[in-house]
Amino acid sequence: MTRTLKFKLAALVAFVTLVILGSYYFLAKNSANSAIVDFNEQSSVIISDVLLDDDEVFDDVLAKGKNIDVTTAFDYLTKTHSDHIFVVIDETNQIMTNFSTNGYQAAGTVTSSGVRFKIEDVSGSTSIVSINNSGQFLTLKNKTRINVLWFPVALLERRALLDSFKQRIQNEFVITLSVLSLLAVALSWFGARLFLRPLNTLSHGFERLVAGDLDYRISSHSTDELGTITRRFNHLADWLNALNKQYKQLSADLAHELRTPINGMQSRIEAMQDGIVPTDENSLSQLLNALERIKKLIDDINLLSLTDAKQLHVEMQPITVSSFLREREDMLNQLLAHRLTLNLANNITVQADPHRLEQVLTNLVSNAAKYADKNEAVELFSRTKGSFIEIGIKDKGQGIPADQQAAAFERFYRQDASRSDKQSVGLGLAICQQLALLMQGKMRINHQYTEGLEIYIQLPVNA
């Protein structure tokens, strides 16, 4: 299955999210469980103490309270049960409490349902405590009626313990969040490093190409977009390497092709100056031929450069092939010393540029004139084959070896690599191929023809 970069990024995000959420759940669960267990253990002790003390306090209030005044009863109760908070409310709603002796500051207000206190502990934390009228109403000396309410100090401590529990949860949440944030940064850094590694490799590869190392390639077995970019980098490097070799070969071939006629011209002119060679029509004709060869080479190179730059335009129009070839029969026959024969299919029309098609045929016939058997006729043919129209020549002669036919349309191709061939520069077939491509066609060689060379331009019927 092809793994895209989008899939990998989504998988990385999902993985990081899963790890963070899973870690948060695990840490938060353990932290909360630990805090709840501690809170419950301490709270259970406090509640047990409360249940044990309430009955005793109730008995003492009933037994002692009716025979003493308010202040004495309050002092007795607060000293006897110092672990309780007592609230005494007289008939005028005056409140007496022992919050301060237990380390609390409290301000109370009598309400219809009881009394409400705003309590502040030594740490400055405040809380609101409401006490309903479930206390004991007593009548003391002088028929003074009071309401006595009480609760263990442990209940306030339980509230403080609850506040501590909340603070602990908050602190552990902050710690957990910090740890998970660091984990997220680490995973993100690792993921970024993982994804940037092939990009760094590509960057290094481009640096090697810029430095001139055109043989450098990047190995990659990835099937995602980065793998595709890597393979295209290798294709680019192959193309640049081939282009560089072609440039070097072009420079060498140009130097050779220009040097040969120029050296010949220089030698003949010097010989003419020294009187060794007469300055006659024959000598001037040889100089003119050398100049013509140089001019043709320059024209061919200019034509190829225009096709490379896509600046050579063609004017496509319908051409009746048989009429087109018959009109040029005499001109082409002169190149072959009247050895041209025609084998034309009738009623064939093709879209092409007349001037460029004539240029292709002229090059093909010129090659046949140089390399075909001088005693054999050269056939100019046209035919239909499937959805294509084929126009070319067939000769008998040395032909092109099968192992060189693929390179026959390359620039400066010569069958003889030693450059012993003085008849051709090696640009004719390359020009034919470029012109064929401009007309949406292609040059082809019949590999099955072994008596010489059958070469033709193949154009689509509906070009």
Protein backbone atom coordinates (compact mmCIF):
# COMPACT_ATOMS: atom_id res chain seq x y z
CA MET A 1 0.00 0.00 0.00
CA THR A 2 1.33 3.42 -0.94
CA ARG A 3 1.98 5.51 2.13
CA THR A 4 1.57 9.21 1.46
CA LEU A 5 3.22 11.98 3.41
CA LYS A 6 -0.25 13.14 4.49
CA PHE A 7 -0.89 9.70 5.98
CA LYS A 8 2.44 9.74 7.82
CA LEU A 9 1.80 13.20 9.27
CA ALA A 10 -1.69 12.15 10.37
CA ALA A 11 -0.26 9.00 11.94
CA LEU A 12 2.40 11.02 13.79
CA VAL A 13 -0.17 13.50 15.13
CA ALA A 14 -2.46 10.65 16.17
CA PHE A 15 0.43 8.86 17.85
CA VAL A 16 1.56 11.95 19.77
CA THR A 17 -2.04 12.72 20.79
CA LEU A 18 -2.59 9.14 21.91
CA VAL A 19 0.62 9.08 23.93
CA ILE A 20 -0.13 12.41 25.60
CA LEU A 21 -3.77 11.60 26.39
CA GLY A 22 -2.86 8.11 27.54
CA SER A 23 -0.08 9.45 29.75
CA TYR A 24 -2.35 12.15 31.12
CA TYR A 25 -5.06 9.60 31.91
CA PHE A 26 -2.57 7.28 33.60
CA LEU A 27 -0.85 10.00 35.64
CA ALA A 28 -4.08 11.81 36.54
CA LYS A 29 -5.77 8.57 37.55
CA ASN A 30 -2.90 7.48 39.78
CA SER A 31 -2.51 10.95 41.27
CA ALA A 32 -6.25 11.34 41.97
CA ASN A 33 -6.51 7.83 43.41
CA SER A 34 -3.61 8.50 45.75
CA ALA A 35 -5.04 11.85 46.87
CA ILE A 36 -8.55 10.43 47.36
CA VAL A 37 -7.24 7.49 49.38
CA ASP A 38 -5.27 9.83 51.66
CA PHE A 39 -8.27 12.15 52.03
CA ASN A 40 -10.67 9.32 52.82
CA GLU A 41 -8.31 7.80 55.39
CA GLN A 42 -7.95 11.09 57.24
CA SER A 43 -11.61 11.99 56.81
CA SER A 44 -12.78 8.66 58.21
CA VAL A 45 -10.80 9.25 61.38
CA ILE A 46 -12.32 12.71 61.78
CA ILE A 47 -15.89 11.45 61.25
CA SER A 48 -15.32 8.63 63.76
CA ASP A 49 -14.15 11.16 66.32
CA VAL A 50 -17.23 13.29 65.66
CA LEU A 51 -19.62 10.39 66.22
CA LEU A 52 -17.90 9.45 69.47
CA ASP A 53 -17.98 12.97 70.96
CA ASP A 54 -21.49 14.23 70.15
CA ASP A 55 -23.37 12.17 72.76
CA GLU A 56 -20.96 13.13 75.53
CA VAL A 57 -21.26 16.84 74.72
CA PHE A 58 -25.05 16.60 74.65
CA ASP A 59 -25.13 14.95 78.09
CA ASP A 60 -22.80 17.56 79.63
CA VAL A 61 -24.87 20.45 78.32
CA LEU A 62 -28.08 19.00 79.79
CA ALA A 63 -26.47 18.09 83.12
CA LYS A 64 -24.51 21.28 83.78
CA GLY A 65 -26.17 23.96 81.81
CA LYS A 66 -29.39 24.51 83.78
CA ASN A 67 -27.68 25.38 87.11
CA ILE A 68 -25.15 27.96 85.91
CA ASP A 69 -25.18 31.33 84.20
CA VAL A 70 -24.35 31.85 80.51
CA THR A 71 -20.69 32.77 80.92
CA THR A 72 -19.99 29.95 83.36
CA ALA A 73 -21.73 27.41 81.18
CA PHE A 74 -19.83 28.63 78.11
CA ASP A 75 -16.44 28.53 79.92
CA TYR A 76 -17.19 25.08 81.35
CA LEU A 77 -18.12 23.61 78.00
CA THR A 78 -15.20 25.13 76.06
CA LYS A 79 -12.67 23.95 78.66
CA THR A 80 -14.20 20.51 79.10
CA HIS A 81 -14.48 19.90 75.37
CA SER A 82 -11.66 21.90 73.86
CA ASP A 83 -11.91 19.89 70.67
CA HIS A 84 -15.34 21.39 69.93
CA ILE A 85 -16.58 24.73 68.71
CA PHE A 86 -19.43 26.06 70.83
CA VAL A 87 -21.89 28.74 69.77
CA VAL A 88 -24.16 30.27 72.43
CA ILE A 89 -26.97 32.60 71.36
CA ASP A 90 -28.90 34.46 74.05
CA GLU A 91 -32.35 35.99 73.87
CA THR A 92 -30.97 39.21 72.35
CA ASN A 93 -29.19 37.26 69.56
CA GLN A 94 -25.77 37.95 71.06
CA ILE A 95 -23.29 35.31 69.99
CA MET A 96 -20.52 33.76 72.03
CA THR A 97 -18.00 31.41 70.35
CA ASN A 98 -14.60 29.87 71.05
CA PHE A 99 -13.33 30.03 67.42
CA SER A 100 -10.41 32.22 68.44
CA THR A 101 -9.12 29.75 71.06
CA ASN A 102 -8.88 27.12 68.33
CA GLY A 103 -6.92 29.31 65.93
CA TYR A 104 -9.79 30.71 63.84
CA GLN A 105 -11.18 34.17 63.29
CA ALA A 106 -14.97 34.18 62.86
CA ALA A 107 -17.74 36.71 62.35
CA GLY A 108 -21.27 35.37 62.91
CA THR A 109 -24.74 36.48 61.91
CA VAL A 110 -28.01 35.09 63.24
CA THR A 111 -30.41 34.01 60.52
CA SER A 112 -33.92 32.61 60.51
CA SER A 113 -32.56 29.11 60.10
CA GLY A 114 -29.66 29.36 62.50
CA VAL A 115 -26.36 31.17 62.38
CA ARG A 116 -23.82 31.77 59.64
CA PHE A 117 -20.10 32.31 60.17
CA LYS A 118 -17.36 33.60 57.95
CA ILE A 119 -14.29 31.75 59.19
CA GLU A 120 -10.63 32.52 58.47
CA ASP A 121 -7.85 30.12 59.49
CA VAL A 122 -4.20 30.92 60.28
CA SER A 123 -3.19 30.55 56.63
CA GLY A 124 -5.67 33.26 55.59
CA SER A 125 -8.04 30.87 53.86
CA THR A 126 -11.70 31.81 54.39
CA SER A 127 -14.84 29.71 54.30
CA ILE A 128 -18.55 30.10 55.10
CA VAL A 129 -20.16 27.79 57.66
CA SER A 130 -23.91 27.73 58.35
CA ILE A 131 -25.34 26.06 61.49
CA ASN A 132 -29.08 25.35 61.71
CA ASN A 133 -31.20 25.42 64.91
CA SER A 134 -30.60 21.82 65.83
CA GLY A 135 -28.82 22.73 69.04
CA GLN A 136 -30.12 22.54 72.65
CA PHE A 137 -32.33 25.27 74.14
CA LEU A 138 -31.57 25.71 77.88
CA THR A 139 -33.00 27.88 80.63
CA LEU A 140 -30.37 29.10 83.11
CA LYS A 141 -30.50 31.15 86.24
CA ASN A 142 -32.80 34.12 86.24
CA LYS A 143 -34.79 32.27 83.59
CA THR A 144 -32.26 33.21 80.92
CA ARG A 145 -32.98 31.17 77.84
CA ILE A 146 -30.08 30.36 75.50
CA ASN A 147 -29.52 28.24 72.43
CA VAL A 148 -26.36 26.13 72.51
CA LEU A 149 -24.93 24.76 69.26
CA TRP A 150 -21.71 22.82 68.89
CA PHE A 151 -19.66 20.86 66.42
CA PRO A 152 -16.20 19.28 66.59
CA VAL A 153 -13.18 21.31 65.53
CA ALA A 154 -12.37 18.28 63.39
CA LEU A 155 -15.12 19.33 60.99
CA LEU A 156 -13.22 22.55 60.31
CA GLU A 157 -10.06 20.51 59.96
CA ARG A 158 -11.91 18.30 57.48
CA ARG A 159 -12.77 21.40 55.46
CA ALA A 160 -9.12 22.43 55.58
CA LEU A 161 -8.23 18.91 54.55
CA LEU A 162 -10.64 19.20 51.61
CA ASP A 163 -9.02 22.48 50.58
CA SER A 164 -5.63 20.79 50.84
CA PHE A 165 -6.97 17.95 48.70
CA LYS A 166 -8.11 20.40 46.01
CA GLN A 167 -4.76 22.18 46.11
CA ARG A 168 -2.93 18.88 45.79
CA ILE A 169 -5.04 17.94 42.75
CA GLN A 170 -4.30 21.33 41.18
CA ASN A 171 -0.57 21.06 41.87
CA GLU A 172 -0.39 17.55 40.47
CA PHE A 173 -2.37 18.68 37.43
CA VAL A 174 0.18 21.44 36.81
CA ILE A 175 3.03 18.97 37.22
CA THR A 176 1.34 16.44 34.92
CA LEU A 177 0.65 19.14 32.33
CA SER A 178 4.29 20.28 32.46
CA VAL A 179 5.59 16.74 32.05
CA LEU A 180 3.23 16.07 29.15
CA SER A 181 4.19 19.37 27.52
CA LEU A 182 7.85 18.36 27.65
CA LEU A 183 6.88 14.96 26.25
CA ALA A 184 4.95 16.62 23.42
CA VAL A 185 7.95 18.84 22.60
CA ALA A 186 10.26 15.80 22.59
CA LEU A 187 7.94 13.77 20.35
CA SER A 188 7.40 16.74 18.02
CA TRP A 189 11.15 17.31 17.76
CA PHE A 190 11.72 13.64 17.03
CA GLY A 191 8.94 13.63 14.42
CA ALA A 192 10.25 16.79 12.76
CA ARG A 193 13.75 15.31 12.68
CA LEU A 194 12.35 12.11 11.15
CA PHE A 195 10.47 13.98 8.41
CA LEU A 196 13.25 16.48 7.71
CA ARG A 197 15.90 13.77 7.26
CA PRO A 198 15.02 13.03 3.60
CA LEU A 199 14.73 16.77 2.90
CA ASN A 200 18.21 17.29 4.34
CA THR A 201 19.43 14.44 2.16
CA LEU A 202 17.87 16.12 -0.88
CA SER A 203 19.44 19.46 0.08
CA HIS A 204 22.83 17.77 0.35
CA GLY A 205 22.23 16.13 -3.03
CA PHE A 206 21.52 19.48 -4.68
CA GLU A 207 24.66 20.91 -3.12
CA ARG A 208 26.64 18.05 -4.67
CA LEU A 209 25.08 18.76 -8.08
CA VAL A 210 25.85 22.47 -7.77
CA ALA A 211 29.44 21.54 -6.92
CA GLY A 212 29.65 19.59 -10.18
CA ASP A 213 29.25 16.05 -8.88
CA LEU A 214 26.73 14.95 -11.51
CA ASP A 215 27.23 11.25 -10.69
CA TYR A 216 25.75 11.66 -7.19
CA ARG A 217 22.49 9.77 -6.62
CA ILE A 218 20.20 9.31 -3.60
CA SER A 219 19.02 5.86 -2.62
CA SER A 220 15.38 5.74 -1.55
CA HIS A 221 12.83 2.95 -1.18
CA SER A 222 10.05 5.20 0.14
CA THR A 223 6.71 5.20 -1.68
CA ASP A 224 5.42 8.55 -0.41
CA GLU A 225 5.76 12.03 -1.90
CA LEU A 226 9.31 12.43 -0.58
CA GLY A 227 10.25 9.17 -2.28
CA THR A 228 8.77 10.53 -5.53
CA ILE A 229 10.77 13.76 -5.18
CA THR A 230 13.92 11.71 -4.53
CA ARG A 231 13.40 9.64 -7.67
CA ARG A 232 12.79 12.80 -9.67
CA PHE A 233 16.03 14.20 -8.25
CA ASN A 234 17.84 11.15 -9.58
CA HIS A 235 16.16 11.60 -12.98
CA LEU A 236 17.23 15.24 -12.97
CA ALA A 237 20.79 14.21 -12.12
CA ASP A 238 20.74 11.66 -14.97
CA TRP A 239 19.49 14.31 -17.37
CA LEU A 240 22.09 16.86 -16.25
CA ASN A 241 24.83 14.26 -16.51
CA ALA A 242 23.76 13.32 -20.02
CA LEU A 243 23.45 17.00 -20.96
CA ASN A 244 26.92 17.69 -19.61
CA LYS A 245 28.39 14.79 -21.59
CA GLN A 246 26.53 15.97 -24.68
CA TYR A 247 27.86 19.48 -24.16
CA LYS A 248 31.42 18.22 -23.89
CA GLN A 249 30.96 16.04 -26.96
CA LEU A 250 29.37 18.94 -28.81
CA SER A 251 32.30 21.20 -27.98
CA ALA A 252 34.79 18.59 -29.13
CA ASP A 253 32.85 17.85 -32.33
CA LEU A 254 32.38 21.52 -33.16
CA ALA A 255 36.05 22.19 -32.64
CA HIS A 256 36.91 19.30 -34.91
CA GLU A 257 34.34 20.13 -37.59
CA LEU A 258 35.37 23.78 -37.73
CA ARG A 259 39.09 23.15 -37.42
CA THR A 260 39.27 20.76 -40.37
CA PRO A 261 37.92 23.09 -43.11
CA ILE A 262 39.53 26.17 -41.59
CA ASN A 263 42.95 24.48 -41.47
CA GLY A 264 42.46 23.39 -45.08
CA MET A 265 41.54 26.91 -46.11
CA GLN A 266 44.48 28.37 -44.24
CA SER A 267 46.93 25.92 -45.81
CA ARG A 268 45.59 26.59 -49.33
CA ILE A 269 45.66 30.38 -48.90
CA GLU A 270 49.24 30.24 -47.56
CA ALA A 271 50.21 28.00 -50.49
CA MET A 272 48.59 30.46 -52.87
CA GLN A 273 50.52 33.33 -51.24
CA ASP A 274 53.79 31.41 -51.59
CA GLY A 275 53.06 30.57 -55.20
CA ILE A 276 52.96 26.86 -54.55
CA VAL A 277 49.29 26.64 -55.57
CA PRO A 278 48.01 28.81 -58.40
CA THR A 279 45.33 31.35 -57.64
CA ASP A 280 42.89 30.06 -60.17
CA GLU A 281 39.22 29.14 -60.37
CA ASN A 282 39.82 25.63 -59.04
CA SER A 283 41.57 26.87 -55.88
CA LEU A 284 38.90 29.46 -55.24
CA SER A 285 36.22 26.81 -55.79
CA GLN A 286 37.81 24.60 -53.13
CA LEU A 287 37.90 27.53 -50.71
CA LEU A 288 34.26 28.25 -51.48
CA ASN A 289 33.32 24.60 -50.82
CA ALA A 290 35.04 24.75 -47.43
CA LEU A 291 33.16 27.93 -46.59
CA GLU A 292 29.90 26.31 -47.67
CA ARG A 293 30.59 23.41 -45.35
CA ILE A 294 31.21 25.77 -42.44
CA LYS A 295 28.08 27.75 -43.29
CA LYS A 296 25.96 24.58 -43.42
CA LEU A 297 27.32 23.47 -40.06
CA ILE A 298 26.44 26.84 -38.52
CA ASP A 299 22.96 26.78 -40.09
CA ASP A 300 22.32 23.26 -38.77
CA ILE A 301 23.44 24.16 -35.27
CA ASN A 302 21.29 27.29 -35.36
CA LEU A 303 18.28 25.22 -36.46
CA LEU A 304 18.80 22.77 -33.59
CA SER A 305 19.19 25.60 -31.09
CA LEU A 306 15.91 27.11 -32.26
CA THR A 307 14.12 23.78 -31.82
CA ASP A 308 15.64 23.35 -28.36
CA ALA A 309 14.44 26.83 -27.38
CA LYS A 310 11.00 26.10 -28.93
CA GLN A 311 11.40 29.20 -31.12
CA LEU A 312 11.08 27.38 -34.43
CA HIS A 313 7.45 27.54 -35.50
CA VAL A 314 5.73 25.35 -38.06
CA GLU A 315 2.77 26.20 -40.27
CA MET A 316 0.67 23.06 -40.42
CA GLN A 317 -1.57 22.64 -43.44
CA PRO A 318 -3.14 19.75 -45.37
CA ILE A 319 -0.79 18.20 -47.91
CA THR A 320 -1.64 15.68 -50.61
CA VAL A 321 1.39 13.45 -50.22
CA SER A 322 1.66 12.02 -53.75
CA SER A 323 1.41 15.46 -55.38
CA PHE A 324 3.83 16.96 -52.88
CA LEU A 325 6.49 14.31 -53.61
CA ARG A 326 6.07 14.38 -57.39
CA GLU A 327 6.57 18.15 -57.39
CA ARG A 328 9.93 17.64 -55.72
CA GLU A 329 10.99 14.55 -57.65
CA ASP A 330 13.39 16.37 -59.98
CA MET A 331 15.10 18.27 -57.18
CA LEU A 332 15.57 15.10 -55.10
CA ASN A 333 16.58 13.05 -58.14
CA GLN A 334 19.45 15.43 -58.87
CA LEU A 335 20.92 14.68 -55.44
CA LEU A 336 20.96 10.96 -56.31
CA ALA A 337 22.31 11.27 -59.85
CA HIS A 338 18.92 10.22 -61.24
CA ARG A 339 18.65 6.97 -59.29
CA LEU A 340 15.37 7.88 -57.51
CA THR A 341 12.28 5.73 -57.94
CA LEU A 342 8.82 6.48 -56.57
CA ASN A 343 6.47 4.11 -54.77
CA LEU A 344 3.60 6.32 -53.64
CA ALA A 345 0.19 5.53 -52.22
CA ASN A 346 -2.65 7.57 -53.70
CA ASN A 347 -5.25 9.70 -51.95
CA ILE A 348 -3.17 10.30 -48.79
CA THR A 349 -3.49 13.66 -47.09
CA VAL A 350 -1.52 14.69 -44.04
CA GLN A 351 -1.20 17.80 -41.85
CA ALA A 352 2.40 19.07 -42.04
CA ASP A 353 4.61 22.09 -42.69
CA PRO A 354 5.59 21.86 -46.43
CA HIS A 355 8.94 23.59 -45.95
CA ARG A 356 9.98 21.47 -42.94
CA LEU A 357 8.78 18.23 -44.56
CA GLU A 358 10.84 19.07 -47.65
CA GLN A 359 13.82 19.73 -45.39
CA VAL A 360 13.43 16.28 -43.81
CA LEU A 361 13.24 14.54 -47.20
CA THR A 362 16.23 16.47 -48.50
CA ASN A 363 18.35 15.34 -45.56
CA LEU A 364 17.26 11.71 -46.00
CA VAL A 365 18.01 11.73 -49.74
CA SER A 366 21.36 13.47 -49.14
CA ASN A 367 22.36 10.71 -46.70
CA ALA A 368 21.34 8.08 -49.25
CA ALA A 369 23.45 9.81 -51.89
CA LYS A 370 26.49 9.55 -49.59
CA TYR A 371 26.13 6.06 -48.17
CA ALA A 372 23.89 3.97 -50.49
CA ASP A 373 25.24 1.67 -53.19
CA LYS A 374 26.00 3.88 -56.21
CA ASN A 375 24.77 1.19 -58.58
CA GLU A 376 21.40 0.71 -56.92
CA ALA A 377 18.24 2.77 -57.10
CA VAL A 378 16.88 4.59 -54.08
CA GLU A 379 13.15 4.30 -53.44
CA LEU A 380 11.07 7.24 -52.22
CA PHE A 381 7.84 5.86 -50.74
CA SER A 382 4.65 6.87 -48.95
CA ARG A 383 2.17 4.55 -47.24
CA THR A 384 -0.42 4.31 -44.51
CA LYS A 385 0.10 2.14 -41.47
CA GLY A 386 -2.72 2.10 -38.92
CA SER A 387 -3.37 5.66 -37.80
CA PHE A 388 -0.07 6.92 -39.23
CA ILE A 389 1.30 8.02 -42.59
CA GLU A 390 4.91 7.08 -43.38
CA ILE A 391 7.09 8.95 -45.88
CA GLY A 392 10.71 7.94 -46.41
CA ILE A 393 13.43 6.34 -48.49
CA LYS A 394 14.75 2.80 -48.92
CA ASP A 395 18.23 2.10 -50.26
CA LYS A 396 20.69 -0.72 -50.61
CA GLY A 397 24.06 -0.23 -49.04
CA GLN A 398 25.91 -0.34 -45.74
CA GLY A 399 22.89 0.73 -43.69
CA ILE A 400 23.17 1.33 -39.92
CA PRO A 401 24.10 -1.56 -37.59
CA ALA A 402 21.25 -2.66 -35.33
CA ASP A 403 23.18 -1.78 -32.17
CA GLN A 404 23.63 1.82 -33.39
CA GLN A 405 20.16 2.53 -34.75
CA ALA A 406 18.91 3.90 -31.40
CA ALA A 407 21.71 6.49 -31.45
CA ALA A 408 21.33 7.37 -35.13
CA PHE A 409 19.21 10.44 -34.34
CA GLU A 410 21.62 11.87 -31.78
CA ARG A 411 23.65 14.92 -32.63
CA PHE A 412 27.03 14.36 -34.27
CA TYR A 413 26.30 10.67 -34.64
CA ARG A 414 28.67 8.91 -36.97
CA GLN A 415 28.79 5.26 -37.73
CA ASP A 416 32.58 5.48 -37.75
CA ALA A 417 33.69 6.73 -34.34
CA SER A 418 37.22 7.42 -35.60
CA ARG A 419 35.91 10.42 -37.58
CA SER A 420 37.22 8.97 -40.81
CA ASP A 421 33.88 9.91 -42.38
CA LYS A 422 34.50 13.24 -44.08
CA GLN A 423 31.15 13.34 -45.87
CA SER A 424 28.94 14.22 -42.90
CA VAL A 425 28.97 16.31 -39.76
CA GLY A 426 26.42 14.05 -38.05
CA LEU A 427 23.58 16.54 -37.64
CA GLY A 428 21.27 15.61 -40.51
CA LEU A 429 19.23 12.89 -38.79
CA ALA A 430 19.13 14.85 -35.53
CA ILE A 431 17.58 17.76 -37.45
CA CYS A 432 15.07 15.39 -39.07
CA GLN A 433 14.02 14.09 -35.67
CA GLN A 434 13.51 17.58 -34.25
CA LEU A 435 11.48 18.71 -37.26
CA ALA A 436 9.38 15.54 -37.09
CA LEU A 437 8.62 16.19 -33.42
CA LEU A 438 7.57 19.75 -34.25
CA MET A 439 5.04 18.31 -36.71
CA GLN A 440 3.80 15.86 -34.01
CA GLY A 441 5.58 12.98 -35.73
CA LYS A 442 8.69 10.90 -35.26
CA MET A 443 11.60 9.50 -37.26
CA ARG A 444 11.86 5.72 -37.44
CA ILE A 445 14.13 3.04 -38.88
CA ASN A 446 12.80 -0.29 -40.13
CA HIS A 447 14.84 -2.75 -38.08
CA GLN A 448 13.68 -5.70 -40.19
CA TYR A 449 15.12 -4.33 -43.41
CA THR A 450 18.67 -5.69 -43.70
CA GLU A 451 19.65 -5.00 -47.33
CA GLY A 452 20.46 -1.38 -46.61
CA LEU A 453 18.54 1.36 -44.81
CA GLU A 454 14.81 2.06 -44.67
CA ILE A 455 14.19 5.30 -42.80
CA TYR A 456 11.03 7.38 -42.73
CA ILE A 457 9.06 10.11 -40.98
CA GLN A 458 5.89 8.89 -39.28
CA LEU A 459 3.06 11.44 -39.01
CA PRO A 460 -0.37 10.94 -37.42
CA VAL A 461 -3.33 10.97 -39.81
CA ASN A 462 -5.20 13.54 -37.69
CA ALA A 463 -2.25 15.72 -36.74
